[in-house]
């Protein structure tokens, strides 16, 4: 194992150990479940579209960017095919067996960036917690989460012009 892999394993082990506290484990499980298939973020985008009629189109396009980031993450995962961590006992079941990148992190950071441009700044700490939860539950390496977060943020940034066109649509 090289130094990078060793660091990835050690960070995961340390954060996974936080899951020995039942309250932390429960919160991490809840976040992981809410983030399956980007459900939390897609729901948040639809709620934003429903309550902010002046920017409904921007909310819906932002929601599409979140879905796109999730899809991009799952697509890259099928290409890379990195196995999930085996040195820790996972606290949740996963939809697939591949780990890199984290689709939860991709959709979370896409939501933080896209919805943040619409003033929903409270999503950013929740998105960060979602990313950390993937380590606490033991289903991703830190590098998976960082790569997923970067993919999601990039997806949202690249689509920002499209998302915000016609500010009052």
N, C-alpha and C. Protein backbone atom coordinates (compact mmCIF):
# COMPACT_ATOMS: atom_id res chain seq x y z
N UNK A 1 0.85 -1.18 0.00
CA UNK A 1 0.00 0.00 0.00
C UNK A 1 0.90 1.24 0.00
N UNK A 2 0.62 2.18 -0.88
CA UNK A 2 1.45 3.39 -0.91
C UNK A 2 0.97 4.40 0.13
N UNK A 3 1.71 5.49 0.27
CA UNK A 3 1.41 6.47 1.31
C UNK A 3 0.01 7.07 1.17
N UNK A 4 -0.41 7.34 -0.06
CA UNK A 4 -1.73 7.93 -0.28
C UNK A 4 -2.83 6.96 0.16
N UNK A 5 -2.71 5.70 -0.26
CA UNK A 5 -3.71 4.70 0.15
C UNK A 5 -3.72 4.53 1.66
N UNK A 6 -2.53 4.54 2.26
CA UNK A 6 -2.44 4.41 3.72
C UNK A 6 -3.15 5.57 4.41
N UNK A 7 -2.94 6.79 3.91
CA UNK A 7 -3.60 7.96 4.48
C UNK A 7 -5.12 7.86 4.29
N UNK A 8 -5.56 7.44 3.12
CA UNK A 8 -6.98 7.25 2.84
C UNK A 8 -7.59 6.27 3.85
N UNK A 9 -6.91 5.16 4.09
CA UNK A 9 -7.39 4.15 5.04
C UNK A 9 -7.42 4.70 6.47
N UNK A 10 -6.37 5.42 6.86
CA UNK A 10 -6.30 5.91 8.23
C UNK A 10 -7.36 6.97 8.51
N UNK A 11 -7.58 7.87 7.56
CA UNK A 11 -8.62 8.90 7.76
C UNK A 11 -9.99 8.24 7.84
N UNK A 12 -10.25 7.30 6.93
CA UNK A 12 -11.54 6.59 6.97
C UNK A 12 -11.71 5.89 8.32
N UNK A 13 -10.70 5.20 8.77
CA UNK A 13 -10.80 4.48 10.05
C UNK A 13 -11.09 5.43 11.21
N UNK A 14 -10.44 6.58 11.21
CA UNK A 14 -10.66 7.55 12.29
C UNK A 14 -12.08 8.11 12.27
N UNK A 15 -12.58 8.45 11.10
CA UNK A 15 -13.93 9.01 11.03
C UNK A 15 -14.98 7.92 11.25
N UNK A 16 -14.72 6.73 10.77
CA UNK A 16 -15.64 5.62 11.00
C UNK A 16 -15.76 5.32 12.49
N UNK A 17 -14.69 5.51 13.23
CA UNK A 17 -14.71 5.28 14.68
C UNK A 17 -15.69 6.22 15.39
N UNK A 18 -15.98 7.37 14.80
CA UNK A 18 -16.98 8.28 15.37
C UNK A 18 -18.35 7.62 15.41
N UNK A 19 -18.57 6.65 14.53
CA UNK A 19 -19.84 5.94 14.47
C UNK A 19 -20.08 5.00 15.63
N UNK A 20 -19.11 4.86 16.53
CA UNK A 20 -19.35 4.04 17.71
C UNK A 20 -20.29 4.75 18.68
N UNK A 21 -20.40 6.07 18.56
CA UNK A 21 -21.39 6.83 19.33
C UNK A 21 -22.73 6.63 18.63
N UNK A 22 -23.72 6.04 19.30
CA UNK A 22 -25.01 5.75 18.65
C UNK A 22 -25.68 6.98 18.05
N UNK A 23 -25.51 8.14 18.67
CA UNK A 23 -26.13 9.36 18.11
C UNK A 23 -25.48 9.74 16.79
N UNK A 24 -24.16 9.65 16.72
CA UNK A 24 -23.44 9.96 15.49
C UNK A 24 -23.80 8.94 14.41
N UNK A 25 -23.81 7.66 14.78
CA UNK A 25 -24.16 6.61 13.82
C UNK A 25 -25.57 6.82 13.27
N UNK A 26 -26.50 7.15 14.14
CA UNK A 26 -27.88 7.37 13.71
C UNK A 26 -27.99 8.55 12.75
N UNK A 27 -27.33 9.64 13.08
CA UNK A 27 -27.36 10.82 12.20
C UNK A 27 -26.72 10.50 10.86
N UNK A 28 -25.60 9.80 10.88
CA UNK A 28 -24.92 9.45 9.62
C UNK A 28 -25.77 8.52 8.78
N UNK A 29 -26.43 7.56 9.42
CA UNK A 29 -27.33 6.66 8.68
C UNK A 29 -28.48 7.44 8.05
N UNK A 30 -29.07 8.34 8.81
CA UNK A 30 -30.19 9.15 8.30
C UNK A 30 -29.76 9.99 7.09
N UNK A 31 -28.60 10.62 7.20
CA UNK A 31 -28.10 11.42 6.08
C UNK A 31 -27.86 10.53 4.86
N UNK A 32 -27.23 9.39 5.09
CA UNK A 32 -26.95 8.49 3.97
C UNK A 32 -28.23 8.04 3.28
N UNK A 33 -29.24 7.71 4.07
CA UNK A 33 -30.51 7.29 3.49
C UNK A 33 -31.17 8.44 2.72
N UNK A 34 -31.17 9.63 3.32
CA UNK A 34 -31.78 10.80 2.65
C UNK A 34 -31.06 11.15 1.36
N UNK A 35 -29.78 10.84 1.29
CA UNK A 35 -28.99 11.18 0.10
C UNK A 35 -29.03 10.14 -1.00
N UNK A 36 -29.66 8.99 -0.75
CA UNK A 36 -29.72 7.96 -1.79
C UNK A 36 -30.36 8.52 -3.05
N UNK A 37 -29.68 8.32 -4.15
CA UNK A 37 -30.16 8.78 -5.46
C UNK A 37 -30.46 10.28 -5.47
N UNK A 38 -29.75 11.02 -4.61
CA UNK A 38 -29.87 12.48 -4.52
C UNK A 38 -31.25 12.93 -4.05
N UNK A 39 -32.01 12.05 -3.41
CA UNK A 39 -33.40 12.33 -3.06
C UNK A 39 -33.56 13.61 -2.24
N UNK A 40 -32.73 13.80 -1.22
CA UNK A 40 -32.84 15.00 -0.38
C UNK A 40 -32.70 16.26 -1.21
N UNK A 41 -31.71 16.28 -2.09
CA UNK A 41 -31.42 17.49 -2.87
C UNK A 41 -32.43 17.72 -3.98
N UNK A 42 -32.90 16.65 -4.59
CA UNK A 42 -33.94 16.81 -5.60
C UNK A 42 -35.22 17.33 -4.96
N UNK A 43 -35.53 16.80 -3.79
CA UNK A 43 -36.70 17.30 -3.05
C UNK A 43 -36.54 18.76 -2.67
N UNK A 44 -35.35 19.13 -2.19
CA UNK A 44 -35.10 20.53 -1.81
C UNK A 44 -35.26 21.45 -3.01
N UNK A 45 -34.78 21.02 -4.17
CA UNK A 45 -34.92 21.84 -5.37
C UNK A 45 -36.37 22.01 -5.79
N UNK A 46 -37.13 20.95 -5.67
CA UNK A 46 -38.56 21.03 -6.02
C UNK A 46 -39.32 21.91 -5.04
N UNK A 47 -38.96 21.83 -3.76
CA UNK A 47 -39.59 22.72 -2.77
C UNK A 47 -39.22 24.17 -3.09
N UNK A 48 -37.95 24.40 -3.41
CA UNK A 48 -37.53 25.76 -3.80
C UNK A 48 -38.34 26.28 -4.97
N UNK A 49 -38.54 25.43 -5.97
CA UNK A 49 -39.32 25.83 -7.15
C UNK A 49 -40.77 26.12 -6.78
N UNK A 50 -41.30 25.37 -5.83
CA UNK A 50 -42.70 25.56 -5.43
C UNK A 50 -42.91 26.84 -4.64
N UNK A 51 -41.96 27.19 -3.78
CA UNK A 51 -42.16 28.36 -2.91
C UNK A 51 -41.58 29.65 -3.48
N UNK A 52 -40.69 29.56 -4.45
CA UNK A 52 -40.06 30.76 -5.03
C UNK A 52 -40.49 30.85 -6.49
N UNK A 53 -41.74 31.21 -6.69
CA UNK A 53 -42.30 31.21 -8.05
C UNK A 53 -41.58 32.18 -8.98
N UNK A 54 -41.00 33.24 -8.41
CA UNK A 54 -40.29 34.21 -9.26
C UNK A 54 -39.05 33.59 -9.91
N UNK A 55 -38.48 32.59 -9.27
CA UNK A 55 -37.27 31.94 -9.82
C UNK A 55 -37.48 30.44 -10.02
N UNK A 56 -38.70 30.06 -10.28
CA UNK A 56 -39.03 28.64 -10.45
C UNK A 56 -38.14 27.96 -11.49
N UNK A 57 -37.95 28.60 -12.61
CA UNK A 57 -37.12 28.01 -13.67
C UNK A 57 -35.69 27.79 -13.21
N UNK A 58 -35.15 28.75 -12.48
CA UNK A 58 -33.78 28.59 -11.97
C UNK A 58 -33.69 27.44 -10.98
N UNK A 59 -34.68 27.32 -10.12
CA UNK A 59 -34.70 26.20 -9.17
C UNK A 59 -34.79 24.87 -9.90
N UNK A 60 -35.63 24.80 -10.90
CA UNK A 60 -35.78 23.55 -11.64
C UNK A 60 -34.52 23.20 -12.42
N UNK A 61 -33.87 24.20 -13.02
CA UNK A 61 -32.61 23.94 -13.72
C UNK A 61 -31.52 23.55 -12.72
N UNK A 62 -31.51 24.19 -11.55
CA UNK A 62 -30.56 23.80 -10.50
C UNK A 62 -30.78 22.37 -10.06
N UNK A 63 -32.04 21.98 -9.95
CA UNK A 63 -32.37 20.61 -9.59
C UNK A 63 -31.90 19.65 -10.68
N UNK A 64 -32.02 20.06 -11.92
CA UNK A 64 -31.51 19.24 -13.03
C UNK A 64 -29.98 19.10 -12.95
N UNK A 65 -29.30 20.16 -12.53
CA UNK A 65 -27.85 20.08 -12.36
C UNK A 65 -27.48 19.10 -11.25
N UNK A 66 -28.25 19.09 -10.18
CA UNK A 66 -28.02 18.13 -9.10
C UNK A 66 -28.19 16.71 -9.63
N UNK A 67 -29.26 16.47 -10.38
CA UNK A 67 -29.49 15.15 -10.96
C UNK A 67 -28.35 14.79 -11.91
N UNK A 68 -27.89 15.77 -12.68
CA UNK A 68 -26.77 15.52 -13.60
C UNK A 68 -25.49 15.17 -12.86
N UNK A 69 -25.23 15.84 -11.74
CA UNK A 69 -24.04 15.53 -10.95
C UNK A 69 -24.13 14.11 -10.39
N UNK A 70 -25.32 13.74 -9.92
CA UNK A 70 -25.51 12.37 -9.41
C UNK A 70 -25.27 11.36 -10.53
N UNK A 71 -25.83 11.61 -11.68
CA UNK A 71 -25.67 10.72 -12.82
C UNK A 71 -24.20 10.64 -13.25
N UNK A 72 -23.52 11.78 -13.26
CA UNK A 72 -22.10 11.79 -13.60
C UNK A 72 -21.30 10.94 -12.61
N UNK A 73 -21.62 11.08 -11.32
CA UNK A 73 -20.93 10.29 -10.31
C UNK A 73 -21.13 8.80 -10.50
N UNK A 74 -22.37 8.40 -10.75
CA UNK A 74 -22.63 6.97 -10.92
C UNK A 74 -22.01 6.45 -12.22
N UNK A 75 -21.93 7.29 -13.23
CA UNK A 75 -21.31 6.87 -14.50
C UNK A 75 -19.81 6.68 -14.33
N UNK A 76 -19.15 7.63 -13.69
CA UNK A 76 -17.71 7.50 -13.45
C UNK A 76 -17.44 6.28 -12.59
N UNK A 77 -18.30 6.04 -11.62
CA UNK A 77 -18.16 4.89 -10.73
C UNK A 77 -18.12 3.59 -11.53
N UNK A 78 -18.96 3.48 -12.56
CA UNK A 78 -18.99 2.27 -13.38
C UNK A 78 -17.74 2.13 -14.24
N UNK A 79 -17.12 3.25 -14.57
CA UNK A 79 -15.88 3.20 -15.35
C UNK A 79 -14.68 2.86 -14.48
N UNK A 80 -14.58 3.48 -13.31
CA UNK A 80 -13.42 3.30 -12.43
C UNK A 80 -13.49 1.95 -11.71
N UNK A 81 -14.65 1.61 -11.19
CA UNK A 81 -14.91 0.32 -10.53
C UNK A 81 -14.04 0.07 -9.30
N UNK A 82 -13.75 1.10 -8.54
CA UNK A 82 -13.00 0.94 -7.30
C UNK A 82 -13.90 0.27 -6.26
N UNK A 83 -13.38 -0.74 -5.62
CA UNK A 83 -14.15 -1.46 -4.60
C UNK A 83 -14.34 -0.58 -3.36
N UNK A 84 -15.44 -0.78 -2.68
CA UNK A 84 -15.69 -0.07 -1.43
C UNK A 84 -14.70 -0.56 -0.37
N UNK A 85 -14.52 0.25 0.67
CA UNK A 85 -13.60 -0.15 1.74
C UNK A 85 -14.01 -1.48 2.37
N UNK A 86 -13.01 -2.29 2.69
CA UNK A 86 -13.29 -3.58 3.34
C UNK A 86 -12.67 -3.66 4.73
N UNK A 87 -11.90 -2.67 5.10
CA UNK A 87 -11.22 -2.74 6.41
C UNK A 87 -12.07 -2.18 7.56
N UNK A 88 -13.26 -1.69 7.24
CA UNK A 88 -14.20 -1.23 8.26
C UNK A 88 -15.55 -1.88 7.98
N UNK A 89 -16.33 -2.04 9.02
CA UNK A 89 -17.67 -2.64 8.88
C UNK A 89 -18.66 -1.52 8.54
N UNK A 90 -19.29 -1.58 7.36
CA UNK A 90 -20.22 -0.51 6.99
C UNK A 90 -21.44 -0.47 7.92
N UNK A 91 -21.93 0.73 8.15
CA UNK A 91 -23.11 0.92 9.00
C UNK A 91 -24.40 1.00 8.19
N UNK A 92 -24.27 1.02 6.87
CA UNK A 92 -25.44 1.07 5.98
C UNK A 92 -25.19 0.13 4.79
N UNK A 93 -26.26 -0.21 4.13
CA UNK A 93 -26.16 -0.93 2.87
C UNK A 93 -26.02 0.10 1.75
N UNK A 94 -25.43 -0.32 0.65
CA UNK A 94 -25.25 0.60 -0.47
C UNK A 94 -25.98 0.08 -1.70
N UNK A 95 -26.29 0.99 -2.59
CA UNK A 95 -26.99 0.64 -3.82
C UNK A 95 -26.08 -0.10 -4.79
N UNK A 96 -24.77 0.09 -4.66
CA UNK A 96 -23.83 -0.56 -5.57
C UNK A 96 -22.55 -0.93 -4.85
N UNK A 97 -21.66 -1.62 -5.57
CA UNK A 97 -20.43 -2.07 -4.91
C UNK A 97 -19.23 -1.20 -5.21
N UNK A 98 -19.41 -0.18 -6.04
CA UNK A 98 -18.28 0.67 -6.41
C UNK A 98 -18.25 1.94 -5.58
N UNK A 99 -17.04 2.45 -5.39
CA UNK A 99 -16.82 3.50 -4.41
C UNK A 99 -16.42 4.86 -4.98
N UNK A 100 -15.72 4.90 -6.11
CA UNK A 100 -15.13 6.14 -6.60
C UNK A 100 -15.82 6.62 -7.85
N UNK A 101 -16.32 7.85 -7.82
CA UNK A 101 -16.42 8.83 -6.74
C UNK A 101 -17.72 8.64 -5.96
N UNK A 102 -17.85 9.34 -4.88
CA UNK A 102 -19.08 9.29 -4.09
C UNK A 102 -20.17 10.09 -4.80
N UNK A 103 -21.23 9.41 -5.19
CA UNK A 103 -22.36 10.11 -5.83
C UNK A 103 -23.12 10.95 -4.81
N UNK A 104 -23.13 10.52 -3.54
CA UNK A 104 -23.73 11.33 -2.48
C UNK A 104 -23.00 12.68 -2.41
N UNK A 105 -21.68 12.65 -2.45
CA UNK A 105 -20.90 13.89 -2.38
C UNK A 105 -21.11 14.73 -3.63
N UNK A 106 -21.20 14.08 -4.79
CA UNK A 106 -21.40 14.82 -6.04
C UNK A 106 -22.72 15.58 -6.01
N UNK A 107 -23.80 14.91 -5.66
CA UNK A 107 -25.10 15.59 -5.64
C UNK A 107 -25.17 16.62 -4.52
N UNK A 108 -24.51 16.34 -3.40
CA UNK A 108 -24.53 17.27 -2.27
C UNK A 108 -23.84 18.58 -2.61
N UNK A 109 -22.66 18.49 -3.20
CA UNK A 109 -21.93 19.72 -3.51
C UNK A 109 -22.56 20.45 -4.70
N UNK A 110 -23.15 19.71 -5.62
CA UNK A 110 -23.89 20.37 -6.70
C UNK A 110 -25.05 21.16 -6.11
N UNK A 111 -25.75 20.59 -5.13
CA UNK A 111 -26.86 21.30 -4.49
C UNK A 111 -26.35 22.52 -3.74
N UNK A 112 -25.24 22.37 -3.02
CA UNK A 112 -24.69 23.51 -2.26
C UNK A 112 -24.34 24.66 -3.19
N UNK A 113 -23.71 24.35 -4.31
CA UNK A 113 -23.31 25.41 -5.25
C UNK A 113 -24.52 25.98 -5.98
N UNK A 114 -25.33 25.11 -6.56
CA UNK A 114 -26.47 25.57 -7.36
C UNK A 114 -27.49 26.32 -6.51
N UNK A 115 -27.92 25.72 -5.41
CA UNK A 115 -28.95 26.34 -4.59
C UNK A 115 -28.39 27.50 -3.78
N UNK A 116 -27.09 27.46 -3.52
CA UNK A 116 -26.44 28.59 -2.85
C UNK A 116 -26.51 29.85 -3.68
N UNK A 117 -26.43 29.72 -5.02
CA UNK A 117 -26.56 30.91 -5.86
C UNK A 117 -27.96 31.49 -5.81
N UNK A 118 -28.92 30.70 -5.33
CA UNK A 118 -30.30 31.16 -5.19
C UNK A 118 -30.60 31.61 -3.76
N UNK A 119 -29.55 31.65 -2.93
CA UNK A 119 -29.71 32.15 -1.57
C UNK A 119 -29.96 31.09 -0.51
N UNK A 120 -29.95 29.83 -0.88
CA UNK A 120 -30.18 28.75 0.08
C UNK A 120 -28.85 28.33 0.69
N UNK A 121 -28.26 29.22 1.47
CA UNK A 121 -26.92 28.98 2.02
C UNK A 121 -26.90 27.91 3.09
N UNK A 122 -28.03 27.63 3.71
CA UNK A 122 -28.09 26.59 4.74
C UNK A 122 -27.84 25.20 4.19
N UNK A 123 -27.90 25.04 2.89
CA UNK A 123 -27.65 23.73 2.29
C UNK A 123 -26.17 23.37 2.39
N UNK A 124 -25.29 24.34 2.38
CA UNK A 124 -23.85 24.05 2.38
C UNK A 124 -23.42 23.23 3.60
N UNK A 125 -23.77 23.62 4.84
CA UNK A 125 -23.35 22.78 5.97
C UNK A 125 -24.01 21.39 5.95
N UNK A 126 -25.23 21.31 5.47
CA UNK A 126 -25.88 20.01 5.37
C UNK A 126 -25.19 19.14 4.32
N UNK A 127 -24.79 19.75 3.22
CA UNK A 127 -24.05 19.02 2.18
C UNK A 127 -22.71 18.53 2.71
N UNK A 128 -22.03 19.37 3.49
CA UNK A 128 -20.75 18.95 4.09
C UNK A 128 -20.98 17.78 5.05
N UNK A 129 -22.04 17.85 5.84
CA UNK A 129 -22.36 16.76 6.76
C UNK A 129 -22.66 15.48 5.99
N UNK A 130 -23.35 15.61 4.86
CA UNK A 130 -23.64 14.44 4.02
C UNK A 130 -22.33 13.79 3.57
N UNK A 131 -21.39 14.61 3.15
CA UNK A 131 -20.10 14.08 2.69
C UNK A 131 -19.38 13.34 3.82
N UNK A 132 -19.33 13.93 5.00
CA UNK A 132 -18.67 13.29 6.13
C UNK A 132 -19.40 12.01 6.53
N UNK A 133 -20.72 12.01 6.40
CA UNK A 133 -21.49 10.82 6.79
C UNK A 133 -21.07 9.59 6.01
N UNK A 134 -20.63 9.77 4.78
CA UNK A 134 -20.22 8.63 3.95
C UNK A 134 -18.97 7.96 4.51
N UNK A 135 -18.17 8.75 5.23
CA UNK A 135 -16.98 8.20 5.88
C UNK A 135 -17.35 7.56 7.21
N UNK A 136 -18.22 8.21 7.95
CA UNK A 136 -18.64 7.68 9.24
C UNK A 136 -19.32 6.32 9.05
N UNK A 137 -20.15 6.19 8.03
CA UNK A 137 -20.82 4.90 7.81
C UNK A 137 -19.90 3.88 7.14
N UNK A 138 -18.72 4.31 6.71
CA UNK A 138 -17.69 3.39 6.23
C UNK A 138 -17.86 2.85 4.82
N UNK A 139 -18.50 3.62 3.94
CA UNK A 139 -18.73 3.11 2.59
C UNK A 139 -17.91 3.81 1.51
N UNK A 140 -17.11 4.79 1.90
CA UNK A 140 -16.25 5.50 0.95
C UNK A 140 -14.93 5.83 1.61
N UNK A 141 -13.91 5.92 0.78
CA UNK A 141 -12.63 6.47 1.21
C UNK A 141 -12.72 7.99 1.11
N UNK A 142 -11.90 8.71 1.86
CA UNK A 142 -11.91 10.17 1.74
C UNK A 142 -11.68 10.66 0.31
N UNK A 143 -10.80 9.99 -0.43
CA UNK A 143 -10.55 10.41 -1.81
C UNK A 143 -11.79 10.25 -2.69
N UNK A 144 -12.65 9.28 -2.39
CA UNK A 144 -13.91 9.11 -3.12
C UNK A 144 -14.81 10.32 -2.89
N UNK A 145 -14.86 10.76 -1.63
CA UNK A 145 -15.73 11.87 -1.24
C UNK A 145 -15.21 13.17 -1.83
N UNK A 146 -13.91 13.39 -1.76
CA UNK A 146 -13.32 14.61 -2.32
C UNK A 146 -13.56 14.66 -3.83
N UNK A 147 -13.34 13.55 -4.51
CA UNK A 147 -13.56 13.52 -5.96
C UNK A 147 -15.03 13.75 -6.30
N UNK A 148 -15.93 13.14 -5.55
CA UNK A 148 -17.36 13.35 -5.79
C UNK A 148 -17.76 14.79 -5.56
N UNK A 149 -17.25 15.38 -4.47
CA UNK A 149 -17.57 16.78 -4.16
C UNK A 149 -17.05 17.70 -5.27
N UNK A 150 -15.85 17.43 -5.75
CA UNK A 150 -15.29 18.25 -6.83
C UNK A 150 -16.11 18.10 -8.11
N UNK A 151 -16.52 16.88 -8.41
CA UNK A 151 -17.35 16.64 -9.60
C UNK A 151 -18.68 17.38 -9.50
N UNK A 152 -19.30 17.33 -8.33
CA UNK A 152 -20.58 18.02 -8.14
C UNK A 152 -20.45 19.53 -8.22
N UNK A 153 -19.42 20.06 -7.56
CA UNK A 153 -19.21 21.51 -7.61
C UNK A 153 -18.92 21.97 -9.03
N UNK A 154 -18.11 21.20 -9.75
CA UNK A 154 -17.79 21.54 -11.14
C UNK A 154 -19.03 21.48 -12.02
N UNK A 155 -19.84 20.47 -11.84
CA UNK A 155 -21.08 20.36 -12.61
C UNK A 155 -21.97 21.58 -12.40
N UNK A 156 -22.14 21.97 -11.15
CA UNK A 156 -22.99 23.13 -10.85
C UNK A 156 -22.38 24.43 -11.37
N UNK A 157 -21.07 24.58 -11.26
CA UNK A 157 -20.41 25.80 -11.75
C UNK A 157 -20.52 25.89 -13.27
N UNK A 158 -20.31 24.77 -13.95
CA UNK A 158 -20.40 24.78 -15.41
C UNK A 158 -21.82 25.08 -15.88
N UNK A 159 -22.81 24.69 -15.11
CA UNK A 159 -24.21 24.93 -15.49
C UNK A 159 -24.80 26.20 -14.90
N UNK A 160 -24.00 26.99 -14.19
CA UNK A 160 -24.53 28.17 -13.48
C UNK A 160 -25.17 29.18 -14.44
N UNK A 161 -24.55 29.41 -15.56
CA UNK A 161 -25.11 30.37 -16.52
C UNK A 161 -26.46 29.90 -17.04
N UNK A 162 -26.56 28.64 -17.38
CA UNK A 162 -27.82 28.07 -17.84
C UNK A 162 -28.86 28.12 -16.73
N UNK A 163 -28.45 27.76 -15.51
CA UNK A 163 -29.38 27.71 -14.39
C UNK A 163 -29.99 29.09 -14.10
N UNK A 164 -29.18 30.12 -14.16
CA UNK A 164 -29.63 31.45 -13.76
C UNK A 164 -30.09 32.34 -14.91
N UNK A 165 -30.20 31.79 -16.10
CA UNK A 165 -30.67 32.62 -17.22
C UNK A 165 -32.12 33.03 -16.96
N UNK A 166 -32.45 34.21 -17.31
CA UNK A 166 -33.81 34.70 -17.08
C UNK A 166 -34.14 34.70 -15.60
N UNK A 167 -33.49 35.53 -14.84
CA UNK A 167 -33.58 35.54 -13.37
C UNK A 167 -35.01 35.47 -12.85
N UNK A 168 -35.98 35.91 -13.58
CA UNK A 168 -37.38 35.89 -13.09
C UNK A 168 -38.25 35.05 -14.02
N UNK A 169 -37.88 33.78 -14.16
CA UNK A 169 -38.67 32.93 -15.06
C UNK A 169 -39.48 31.94 -14.31
